Amino acid sequence: MASFARTHSGISRNRVTSKIVMKNKQKILIVEDSPSQLLLIDAFVQRFGFDTHAVTCGYDALEAVRTIKFAAVLMDINLPDISGFECTRQIKSMGACRQLPVIAITAERMDELFESECRAAGMDDCLAKPFQAEALRKVLLRHTYEPSYPNLKLLPDSQGKPSKPESLPL
């Protein structure tokens, strides 16, 4: 039988929502400085069955990975304090976080040079904005799949049937 705990998930500095979550859900760290993009990504990740923790700058992300166990990190590249590249390098330098998947989410150009910059920083994958919700689901599945966690379901339509992939207008 699943046990439940009340948690608080902050999705911006000004708004904290309370929700009931299963204790055994995997948690995804979302590092995104745009409030509107953060809300959209957070909503999709939660619909895929994950719990989320969201921060708006690199230094908050570094603090979060020191204190909370995450299944993966969705990292924006252009952050207000340190770049997503530098933040990833620092995360990967922490002993316990070397294997933590970090996925770039960016509006930057997506070419071989950019992808090589991501890999050099220690990022495990890249998604270019705007991206399809299904692309986000697949990249999370690729890096977080655990048979014991019931997550990454397809987005249901209003009748509860799997729907066509949705686009995140980022």
N, C-alpha and C. Protein backbone atom coordinates (compact mmCIF):
# COMPACT_ATOMS: atom_id res chain seq x y z
N MET A 1 0.85 -1.18 0.00
CA MET A 1 0.00 0.00 0.00
C MET A 1 0.89 1.24 0.00
N ALA A 2 0.57 2.19 -0.86
CA ALA A 2 1.38 3.40 -0.96
C ALA A 2 1.14 4.30 0.24
N SER A 3 2.19 4.90 0.71
CA SER A 3 2.05 5.87 1.79
C SER A 3 2.14 7.26 1.20
N PHE A 4 1.49 8.19 1.85
CA PHE A 4 1.44 9.55 1.34
C PHE A 4 2.02 10.52 2.36
N ALA A 5 2.56 11.60 1.85
CA ALA A 5 3.08 12.65 2.72
C ALA A 5 2.71 14.00 2.12
N ARG A 6 2.46 14.95 2.97
CA ARG A 6 2.18 16.30 2.48
C ARG A 6 3.52 16.99 2.25
N THR A 7 3.70 17.53 1.05
CA THR A 7 4.93 18.25 0.75
C THR A 7 4.58 19.61 0.18
N HIS A 8 5.55 20.45 0.16
CA HIS A 8 5.40 21.77 -0.45
C HIS A 8 6.39 21.86 -1.59
N SER A 9 5.90 22.21 -2.76
CA SER A 9 6.74 22.30 -3.95
C SER A 9 6.74 23.74 -4.43
N GLY A 10 7.85 24.43 -4.34
CA GLY A 10 7.93 25.82 -4.79
C GLY A 10 8.14 25.89 -6.27
N ILE A 11 7.32 26.64 -6.99
CA ILE A 11 7.51 26.76 -8.42
C ILE A 11 7.86 28.19 -8.83
N SER A 12 7.95 29.07 -7.90
CA SER A 12 8.54 30.38 -8.12
C SER A 12 8.82 30.97 -6.75
N ARG A 13 9.56 32.05 -6.72
CA ARG A 13 9.91 32.64 -5.44
C ARG A 13 8.68 33.21 -4.72
N ASN A 14 7.62 33.55 -5.48
CA ASN A 14 6.45 34.19 -4.89
C ASN A 14 5.28 33.25 -4.64
N ARG A 15 5.35 32.01 -5.17
CA ARG A 15 4.19 31.13 -5.07
C ARG A 15 4.64 29.74 -4.64
N VAL A 16 4.05 29.24 -3.58
CA VAL A 16 4.32 27.88 -3.13
C VAL A 16 2.98 27.15 -3.10
N THR A 17 2.94 25.97 -3.70
CA THR A 17 1.71 25.21 -3.71
C THR A 17 1.86 24.00 -2.81
N SER A 18 0.78 23.61 -2.19
CA SER A 18 0.77 22.43 -1.33
C SER A 18 0.06 21.32 -2.09
N LYS A 19 0.58 20.09 -2.00
CA LYS A 19 -0.05 18.98 -2.69
C LYS A 19 0.26 17.68 -1.97
N ILE A 20 -0.53 16.68 -2.24
CA ILE A 20 -0.29 15.35 -1.70
C ILE A 20 0.52 14.59 -2.75
N VAL A 21 1.63 13.98 -2.35
CA VAL A 21 2.44 13.20 -3.28
C VAL A 21 2.77 11.86 -2.64
N MET A 22 3.00 10.87 -3.48
CA MET A 22 3.43 9.57 -2.98
C MET A 22 4.90 9.69 -2.59
N LYS A 23 5.27 9.08 -1.48
CA LYS A 23 6.65 9.17 -1.00
C LYS A 23 7.64 8.55 -1.97
N ASN A 24 7.22 7.55 -2.75
CA ASN A 24 8.17 6.85 -3.60
C ASN A 24 8.31 7.43 -5.00
N LYS A 25 7.74 8.58 -5.27
CA LYS A 25 7.91 9.21 -6.58
C LYS A 25 9.33 9.71 -6.75
N GLN A 26 9.84 9.60 -7.96
CA GLN A 26 11.13 10.20 -8.26
C GLN A 26 10.95 11.70 -8.34
N LYS A 27 12.01 12.44 -7.99
CA LYS A 27 11.94 13.89 -7.98
C LYS A 27 12.87 14.44 -9.06
N ILE A 28 12.37 15.42 -9.80
CA ILE A 28 13.13 16.09 -10.85
C ILE A 28 13.38 17.52 -10.41
N LEU A 29 14.63 17.97 -10.53
CA LEU A 29 14.98 19.37 -10.28
C LEU A 29 14.86 20.13 -11.59
N ILE A 30 14.08 21.20 -11.56
CA ILE A 30 13.93 22.07 -12.74
C ILE A 30 14.63 23.38 -12.42
N VAL A 31 15.61 23.74 -13.26
CA VAL A 31 16.36 24.98 -13.09
C VAL A 31 16.03 25.86 -14.28
N GLU A 32 15.17 26.86 -14.06
CA GLU A 32 14.67 27.71 -15.15
C GLU A 32 14.35 29.08 -14.57
N ASP A 33 14.88 30.15 -15.19
CA ASP A 33 14.67 31.49 -14.64
C ASP A 33 13.41 32.18 -15.16
N SER A 34 12.81 31.69 -16.23
CA SER A 34 11.59 32.29 -16.76
C SER A 34 10.37 31.69 -16.04
N PRO A 35 9.61 32.52 -15.30
CA PRO A 35 8.46 31.98 -14.55
C PRO A 35 7.45 31.25 -15.42
N SER A 36 7.15 31.77 -16.60
CA SER A 36 6.14 31.12 -17.45
C SER A 36 6.65 29.77 -17.96
N GLN A 37 7.91 29.71 -18.37
CA GLN A 37 8.46 28.44 -18.84
C GLN A 37 8.59 27.45 -17.70
N LEU A 38 8.95 27.94 -16.52
CA LEU A 38 9.06 27.09 -15.35
C LEU A 38 7.72 26.44 -15.02
N LEU A 39 6.65 27.21 -15.05
CA LEU A 39 5.32 26.67 -14.76
C LEU A 39 4.91 25.60 -15.77
N LEU A 40 5.19 25.84 -17.05
CA LEU A 40 4.84 24.86 -18.08
C LEU A 40 5.63 23.56 -17.93
N ILE A 41 6.93 23.68 -17.76
CA ILE A 41 7.77 22.49 -17.63
C ILE A 41 7.38 21.72 -16.37
N ASP A 42 7.18 22.44 -15.27
CA ASP A 42 6.77 21.83 -14.01
C ASP A 42 5.47 21.05 -14.18
N ALA A 43 4.49 21.64 -14.86
CA ALA A 43 3.20 20.98 -15.05
C ALA A 43 3.36 19.70 -15.86
N PHE A 44 4.14 19.73 -16.91
CA PHE A 44 4.33 18.52 -17.72
C PHE A 44 5.08 17.45 -16.95
N VAL A 45 6.12 17.80 -16.25
CA VAL A 45 6.89 16.81 -15.50
C VAL A 45 6.01 16.15 -14.44
N GLN A 46 5.17 16.92 -13.78
CA GLN A 46 4.26 16.34 -12.80
C GLN A 46 3.23 15.44 -13.45
N ARG A 47 2.76 15.81 -14.64
CA ARG A 47 1.80 14.96 -15.36
C ARG A 47 2.44 13.64 -15.78
N PHE A 48 3.75 13.61 -15.90
CA PHE A 48 4.44 12.36 -16.22
C PHE A 48 4.63 11.49 -14.99
N GLY A 49 4.19 11.94 -13.83
CA GLY A 49 4.24 11.12 -12.63
C GLY A 49 5.40 11.41 -11.69
N PHE A 50 6.12 12.48 -11.93
CA PHE A 50 7.24 12.85 -11.06
C PHE A 50 6.81 13.89 -10.04
N ASP A 51 7.55 13.96 -8.96
CA ASP A 51 7.47 15.09 -8.05
C ASP A 51 8.53 16.07 -8.57
N THR A 52 8.36 17.35 -8.30
CA THR A 52 9.31 18.34 -8.81
C THR A 52 9.79 19.26 -7.70
N HIS A 53 10.95 19.82 -7.95
CA HIS A 53 11.51 20.89 -7.12
C HIS A 53 12.07 21.89 -8.13
N ALA A 54 11.64 23.13 -8.06
CA ALA A 54 12.03 24.12 -9.06
C ALA A 54 12.79 25.26 -8.42
N VAL A 55 13.84 25.70 -9.11
CA VAL A 55 14.62 26.85 -8.68
C VAL A 55 14.86 27.75 -9.89
N THR A 56 15.20 29.00 -9.62
CA THR A 56 15.33 29.97 -10.70
C THR A 56 16.76 30.43 -10.96
N CYS A 57 17.74 29.86 -10.25
CA CYS A 57 19.13 30.25 -10.50
C CYS A 57 20.06 29.08 -10.19
N GLY A 58 21.27 29.18 -10.70
CA GLY A 58 22.25 28.12 -10.55
C GLY A 58 22.68 27.86 -9.12
N TYR A 59 22.88 28.92 -8.34
CA TYR A 59 23.32 28.72 -6.96
C TYR A 59 22.26 28.00 -6.13
N ASP A 60 20.97 28.28 -6.40
CA ASP A 60 19.91 27.54 -5.71
C ASP A 60 19.89 26.08 -6.14
N ALA A 61 20.22 25.82 -7.40
CA ALA A 61 20.30 24.44 -7.89
C ALA A 61 21.42 23.68 -7.17
N LEU A 62 22.57 24.33 -7.00
CA LEU A 62 23.68 23.69 -6.30
C LEU A 62 23.31 23.35 -4.87
N GLU A 63 22.61 24.26 -4.21
CA GLU A 63 22.17 23.99 -2.84
C GLU A 63 21.16 22.85 -2.81
N ALA A 64 20.27 22.81 -3.77
CA ALA A 64 19.24 21.77 -3.80
C ALA A 64 19.85 20.38 -3.98
N VAL A 65 20.82 20.23 -4.89
CA VAL A 65 21.40 18.90 -5.10
C VAL A 65 22.24 18.44 -3.91
N ARG A 66 22.69 19.39 -3.10
CA ARG A 66 23.42 19.01 -1.88
C ARG A 66 22.50 18.42 -0.82
N THR A 67 21.22 18.81 -0.84
CA THR A 67 20.32 18.44 0.25
C THR A 67 19.18 17.51 -0.15
N ILE A 68 18.88 17.36 -1.44
CA ILE A 68 17.74 16.56 -1.89
C ILE A 68 18.22 15.55 -2.93
N LYS A 69 17.67 14.35 -2.90
CA LYS A 69 18.01 13.33 -3.88
C LYS A 69 17.09 13.49 -5.10
N PHE A 70 17.69 13.67 -6.26
CA PHE A 70 16.95 13.84 -7.51
C PHE A 70 17.22 12.68 -8.45
N ALA A 71 16.23 12.38 -9.30
CA ALA A 71 16.40 11.39 -10.36
C ALA A 71 17.08 12.01 -11.57
N ALA A 72 16.87 13.32 -11.78
CA ALA A 72 17.46 14.04 -12.92
C ALA A 72 17.29 15.54 -12.70
N VAL A 73 18.03 16.31 -13.51
CA VAL A 73 17.97 17.77 -13.48
C VAL A 73 17.66 18.26 -14.89
N LEU A 74 16.66 19.13 -15.02
CA LEU A 74 16.38 19.84 -16.27
C LEU A 74 16.99 21.23 -16.10
N MET A 75 18.04 21.53 -16.87
CA MET A 75 18.86 22.72 -16.65
C MET A 75 18.78 23.70 -17.82
N ASP A 76 18.27 24.89 -17.55
CA ASP A 76 18.33 25.97 -18.54
C ASP A 76 19.79 26.38 -18.67
N ILE A 77 20.18 26.87 -19.82
CA ILE A 77 21.57 27.27 -20.03
C ILE A 77 21.81 28.71 -19.58
N ASN A 78 20.89 29.61 -19.93
CA ASN A 78 21.06 31.03 -19.61
C ASN A 78 20.37 31.37 -18.30
N LEU A 79 21.14 31.36 -17.23
CA LEU A 79 20.62 31.65 -15.90
C LEU A 79 21.16 33.00 -15.44
N PRO A 80 20.51 33.64 -14.47
CA PRO A 80 20.92 34.99 -14.07
C PRO A 80 22.24 35.07 -13.30
N ASP A 81 22.67 33.99 -12.67
CA ASP A 81 23.89 34.08 -11.86
C ASP A 81 25.06 33.34 -12.50
N ILE A 82 24.97 32.05 -12.65
CA ILE A 82 26.01 31.29 -13.35
C ILE A 82 25.35 30.55 -14.50
N SER A 83 26.11 30.21 -15.51
CA SER A 83 25.52 29.53 -16.66
C SER A 83 25.13 28.11 -16.30
N GLY A 84 24.23 27.55 -17.07
CA GLY A 84 23.85 26.16 -16.88
C GLY A 84 25.05 25.23 -17.08
N PHE A 85 25.97 25.63 -17.96
CA PHE A 85 27.19 24.83 -18.16
C PHE A 85 28.02 24.78 -16.87
N GLU A 86 28.26 25.95 -16.27
CA GLU A 86 29.07 26.01 -15.05
C GLU A 86 28.35 25.31 -13.89
N CYS A 87 27.06 25.49 -13.80
CA CYS A 87 26.28 24.84 -12.75
C CYS A 87 26.40 23.32 -12.88
N THR A 88 26.30 22.83 -14.11
CA THR A 88 26.42 21.38 -14.35
C THR A 88 27.81 20.88 -13.98
N ARG A 89 28.85 21.63 -14.35
CA ARG A 89 30.22 21.23 -13.98
C ARG A 89 30.35 21.10 -12.47
N GLN A 90 29.78 22.06 -11.74
CA GLN A 90 29.87 22.01 -10.28
C GLN A 90 29.05 20.86 -9.70
N ILE A 91 27.89 20.59 -10.27
CA ILE A 91 27.09 19.45 -9.81
C ILE A 91 27.85 18.15 -10.02
N LYS A 92 28.41 17.99 -11.21
CA LYS A 92 29.10 16.75 -11.54
C LYS A 92 30.40 16.59 -10.75
N SER A 93 30.93 17.67 -10.19
CA SER A 93 32.14 17.57 -9.38
C SER A 93 31.84 17.10 -7.96
N MET A 94 30.57 17.11 -7.56
CA MET A 94 30.18 16.62 -6.24
C MET A 94 30.16 15.09 -6.31
N GLY A 95 30.83 14.45 -5.40
CA GLY A 95 30.95 13.00 -5.44
C GLY A 95 29.64 12.26 -5.61
N ALA A 96 28.64 12.61 -4.82
CA ALA A 96 27.36 11.90 -4.85
C ALA A 96 26.55 12.22 -6.10
N CYS A 97 26.91 13.25 -6.84
CA CYS A 97 26.10 13.67 -8.00
C CYS A 97 26.75 13.37 -9.35
N ARG A 98 27.86 12.66 -9.35
CA ARG A 98 28.54 12.39 -10.62
C ARG A 98 27.65 11.66 -11.63
N GLN A 99 26.79 10.77 -11.14
CA GLN A 99 25.92 9.99 -12.02
C GLN A 99 24.54 10.62 -12.21
N LEU A 100 24.29 11.77 -11.59
CA LEU A 100 22.99 12.43 -11.71
C LEU A 100 22.81 12.95 -13.15
N PRO A 101 21.78 12.50 -13.87
CA PRO A 101 21.57 12.99 -15.24
C PRO A 101 21.18 14.47 -15.24
N VAL A 102 21.89 15.25 -16.06
CA VAL A 102 21.57 16.67 -16.25
C VAL A 102 21.20 16.84 -17.72
N ILE A 103 20.02 17.38 -17.96
CA ILE A 103 19.49 17.55 -19.31
C ILE A 103 19.35 19.03 -19.60
N ALA A 104 20.03 19.50 -20.63
CA ALA A 104 19.96 20.91 -21.02
C ALA A 104 18.60 21.18 -21.65
N ILE A 105 17.98 22.29 -21.25
CA ILE A 105 16.77 22.79 -21.92
C ILE A 105 17.09 24.23 -22.29
N THR A 106 17.04 24.52 -23.58
CA THR A 106 17.53 25.82 -24.00
C THR A 106 16.86 26.32 -25.26
N ALA A 107 16.84 27.63 -25.41
CA ALA A 107 16.38 28.26 -26.64
C ALA A 107 17.57 28.54 -27.56
N GLU A 108 18.76 28.14 -27.13
CA GLU A 108 19.98 28.33 -27.93
C GLU A 108 19.92 27.50 -29.21
N ARG A 109 20.84 27.77 -30.08
CA ARG A 109 20.96 26.98 -31.30
C ARG A 109 21.28 25.54 -30.91
N MET A 110 20.77 24.60 -31.68
CA MET A 110 21.08 23.19 -31.41
C MET A 110 21.88 22.65 -32.60
N ASP A 111 23.17 22.80 -32.53
CA ASP A 111 24.04 22.26 -33.57
C ASP A 111 25.11 21.40 -32.90
N GLU A 112 26.00 20.85 -33.68
CA GLU A 112 27.03 19.96 -33.13
C GLU A 112 27.92 20.69 -32.12
N LEU A 113 28.24 21.95 -32.37
CA LEU A 113 29.08 22.71 -31.46
C LEU A 113 28.39 22.86 -30.10
N PHE A 114 27.10 23.23 -30.11
CA PHE A 114 26.36 23.39 -28.86
C PHE A 114 26.28 22.06 -28.11
N GLU A 115 25.97 20.98 -28.83
CA GLU A 115 25.89 19.67 -28.18
C GLU A 115 27.23 19.25 -27.60
N SER A 116 28.32 19.60 -28.26
CA SER A 116 29.64 19.26 -27.71
C SER A 116 29.93 20.10 -26.47
N GLU A 117 29.46 21.36 -26.43
CA GLU A 117 29.60 22.18 -25.22
C GLU A 117 28.83 21.56 -24.06
N CYS A 118 27.63 21.05 -24.36
CA CYS A 118 26.83 20.39 -23.32
C CYS A 118 27.56 19.17 -22.78
N ARG A 119 28.07 18.35 -23.65
CA ARG A 119 28.78 17.14 -23.23
C ARG A 119 30.05 17.49 -22.44
N ALA A 120 30.77 18.51 -22.89
CA ALA A 120 32.00 18.92 -22.20
C ALA A 120 31.70 19.40 -20.78
N ALA A 121 30.53 19.99 -20.58
CA ALA A 121 30.14 20.46 -19.25
C ALA A 121 29.65 19.32 -18.37
N GLY A 122 29.40 18.15 -18.97
CA GLY A 122 28.93 17.00 -18.21
C GLY A 122 27.44 16.73 -18.37
N MET A 123 26.78 17.47 -19.27
CA MET A 123 25.35 17.24 -19.48
C MET A 123 25.15 15.93 -20.23
N ASP A 124 24.05 15.27 -19.91
CA ASP A 124 23.78 13.96 -20.47
C ASP A 124 22.88 13.99 -21.70
N ASP A 125 22.15 15.09 -21.91
CA ASP A 125 21.24 15.20 -23.04
C ASP A 125 20.86 16.66 -23.23
N CYS A 126 20.21 16.97 -24.35
CA CYS A 126 19.79 18.35 -24.66
C CYS A 126 18.39 18.34 -25.26
N LEU A 127 17.62 19.35 -24.92
CA LEU A 127 16.32 19.60 -25.55
C LEU A 127 16.28 21.07 -25.94
N ALA A 128 15.88 21.33 -27.20
CA ALA A 128 15.77 22.70 -27.67
C ALA A 128 14.33 23.17 -27.51
N LYS A 129 14.16 24.40 -26.99
CA LYS A 129 12.83 25.01 -26.88
C LYS A 129 12.48 25.63 -28.22
N PRO A 130 11.24 25.57 -28.65
CA PRO A 130 10.14 24.82 -28.04
C PRO A 130 10.30 23.33 -28.35
N PHE A 131 9.84 22.49 -27.43
CA PHE A 131 9.90 21.05 -27.67
C PHE A 131 8.54 20.43 -27.41
N GLN A 132 8.34 19.27 -28.00
CA GLN A 132 7.10 18.53 -27.80
C GLN A 132 7.13 17.89 -26.41
N ALA A 133 5.97 17.80 -25.78
CA ALA A 133 5.88 17.14 -24.48
C ALA A 133 6.36 15.71 -24.58
N GLU A 134 6.08 15.06 -25.68
CA GLU A 134 6.53 13.68 -25.87
C GLU A 134 8.05 13.58 -25.90
N ALA A 135 8.73 14.58 -26.47
CA ALA A 135 10.19 14.59 -26.47
C ALA A 135 10.72 14.71 -25.05
N LEU A 136 10.08 15.54 -24.23
CA LEU A 136 10.47 15.67 -22.83
C LEU A 136 10.25 14.35 -22.09
N ARG A 137 9.11 13.72 -22.33
CA ARG A 137 8.80 12.43 -21.69
C ARG A 137 9.86 11.39 -22.06
N LYS A 138 10.23 11.34 -23.34
CA LYS A 138 11.20 10.34 -23.78
C LYS A 138 12.59 10.58 -23.20
N VAL A 139 13.01 11.83 -23.12
CA VAL A 139 14.34 12.09 -22.56
C VAL A 139 14.35 11.78 -21.06
N LEU A 140 13.26 12.05 -20.36
CA LEU A 140 13.19 11.68 -18.95
C LEU A 140 13.19 10.16 -18.79
N LEU A 141 12.46 9.48 -19.66
CA LEU A 141 12.43 8.03 -19.62
C LEU A 141 13.83 7.45 -19.87
N ARG A 142 14.53 7.99 -20.82
CA ARG A 142 15.88 7.52 -21.16
C ARG A 142 16.83 7.61 -19.96
N HIS A 143 16.68 8.65 -19.15
CA HIS A 143 17.64 8.89 -18.07
C HIS A 143 17.15 8.52 -16.68
N THR A 144 15.87 8.23 -16.51
CA THR A 144 15.37 7.98 -15.15
C THR A 144 14.61 6.68 -15.01
N TYR A 145 14.50 5.89 -16.04
CA TYR A 145 13.64 4.71 -15.98
C TYR A 145 14.03 3.77 -14.85
N GLU A 146 13.08 3.47 -14.02
CA GLU A 146 13.21 2.51 -12.92
C GLU A 146 11.93 1.69 -12.94
N PRO A 147 12.01 0.39 -13.12
CA PRO A 147 10.79 -0.43 -13.17
C PRO A 147 9.91 -0.29 -11.92
N SER A 148 10.50 0.04 -10.79
CA SER A 148 9.73 0.14 -9.55
C SER A 148 8.98 1.46 -9.40
N TYR A 149 9.21 2.43 -10.30
CA TYR A 149 8.53 3.72 -10.22
C TYR A 149 7.48 3.82 -11.32
N PRO A 150 6.20 3.96 -10.95
CA PRO A 150 5.15 4.07 -11.96
C PRO A 150 5.06 5.50 -12.49
N ASN A 151 5.92 5.85 -13.43
CA ASN A 151 5.92 7.22 -13.93
C ASN A 151 6.00 7.22 -15.46
N LEU A 152 6.08 8.38 -16.03
CA LEU A 152 6.26 8.59 -17.45
C LEU A 152 5.10 8.08 -18.30
N LYS A 153 3.90 8.20 -17.77
CA LYS A 153 2.73 7.82 -18.55
C LYS A 153 2.49 8.85 -19.65
N LEU A 154 1.81 8.41 -20.70
CA LEU A 154 1.44 9.35 -21.75
C LEU A 154 0.44 10.35 -21.21
N LEU A 155 0.44 11.54 -21.77
CA LEU A 155 -0.52 12.55 -21.34
C LEU A 155 -1.92 12.13 -21.77
N PRO A 156 -2.87 12.03 -20.82
CA PRO A 156 -4.22 11.61 -21.20
C PRO A 156 -5.04 12.78 -21.76
N ASP A 157 -5.99 12.44 -22.63
CA ASP A 157 -6.92 13.46 -23.09
C ASP A 157 -8.08 13.53 -22.10
N SER A 158 -9.13 14.25 -22.41
CA SER A 158 -10.22 14.45 -21.46
C SER A 158 -10.97 13.15 -21.14
N GLN A 159 -10.90 12.14 -22.01
CA GLN A 159 -11.55 10.86 -21.75
C GLN A 159 -10.59 9.85 -21.11
N GLY A 160 -9.38 10.29 -20.76
CA GLY A 160 -8.42 9.40 -20.12
C GLY A 160 -7.63 8.54 -21.08
N LYS A 161 -7.80 8.75 -22.39
CA LYS A 161 -7.04 8.00 -23.39
C LYS A 161 -5.74 8.74 -23.69
N PRO A 162 -4.66 8.02 -24.06
CA PRO A 162 -3.43 8.72 -24.43
C PRO A 162 -3.69 9.69 -25.58
N SER A 163 -3.15 10.88 -25.46
CA SER A 163 -3.37 11.89 -26.47
C SER A 163 -2.15 12.01 -27.37
N LYS A 164 -2.31 12.80 -28.41
CA LYS A 164 -1.17 13.10 -29.27
C LYS A 164 -0.19 13.97 -28.49
N PRO A 165 1.10 13.90 -28.86
CA PRO A 165 2.08 14.73 -28.13
C PRO A 165 1.69 16.20 -28.16
N GLU A 166 1.89 16.85 -27.03
CA GLU A 166 1.59 18.27 -26.90
C GLU A 166 2.85 19.08 -27.05
N SER A 167 2.72 20.29 -27.53
CA SER A 167 3.87 21.17 -27.68
C SER A 167 3.94 22.13 -26.51
N LEU A 168 5.13 22.31 -25.98
CA LEU A 168 5.34 23.32 -24.94
C LEU A 168 5.69 24.63 -25.64
N PRO A 169 4.86 25.64 -25.55
CA PRO A 169 5.13 26.89 -26.24
C PRO A 169 6.16 27.73 -25.48
N LEU A 170 7.41 27.29 -25.51
CA LEU A 170 8.44 27.97 -24.73
C LEU A 170 9.24 28.89 -25.62
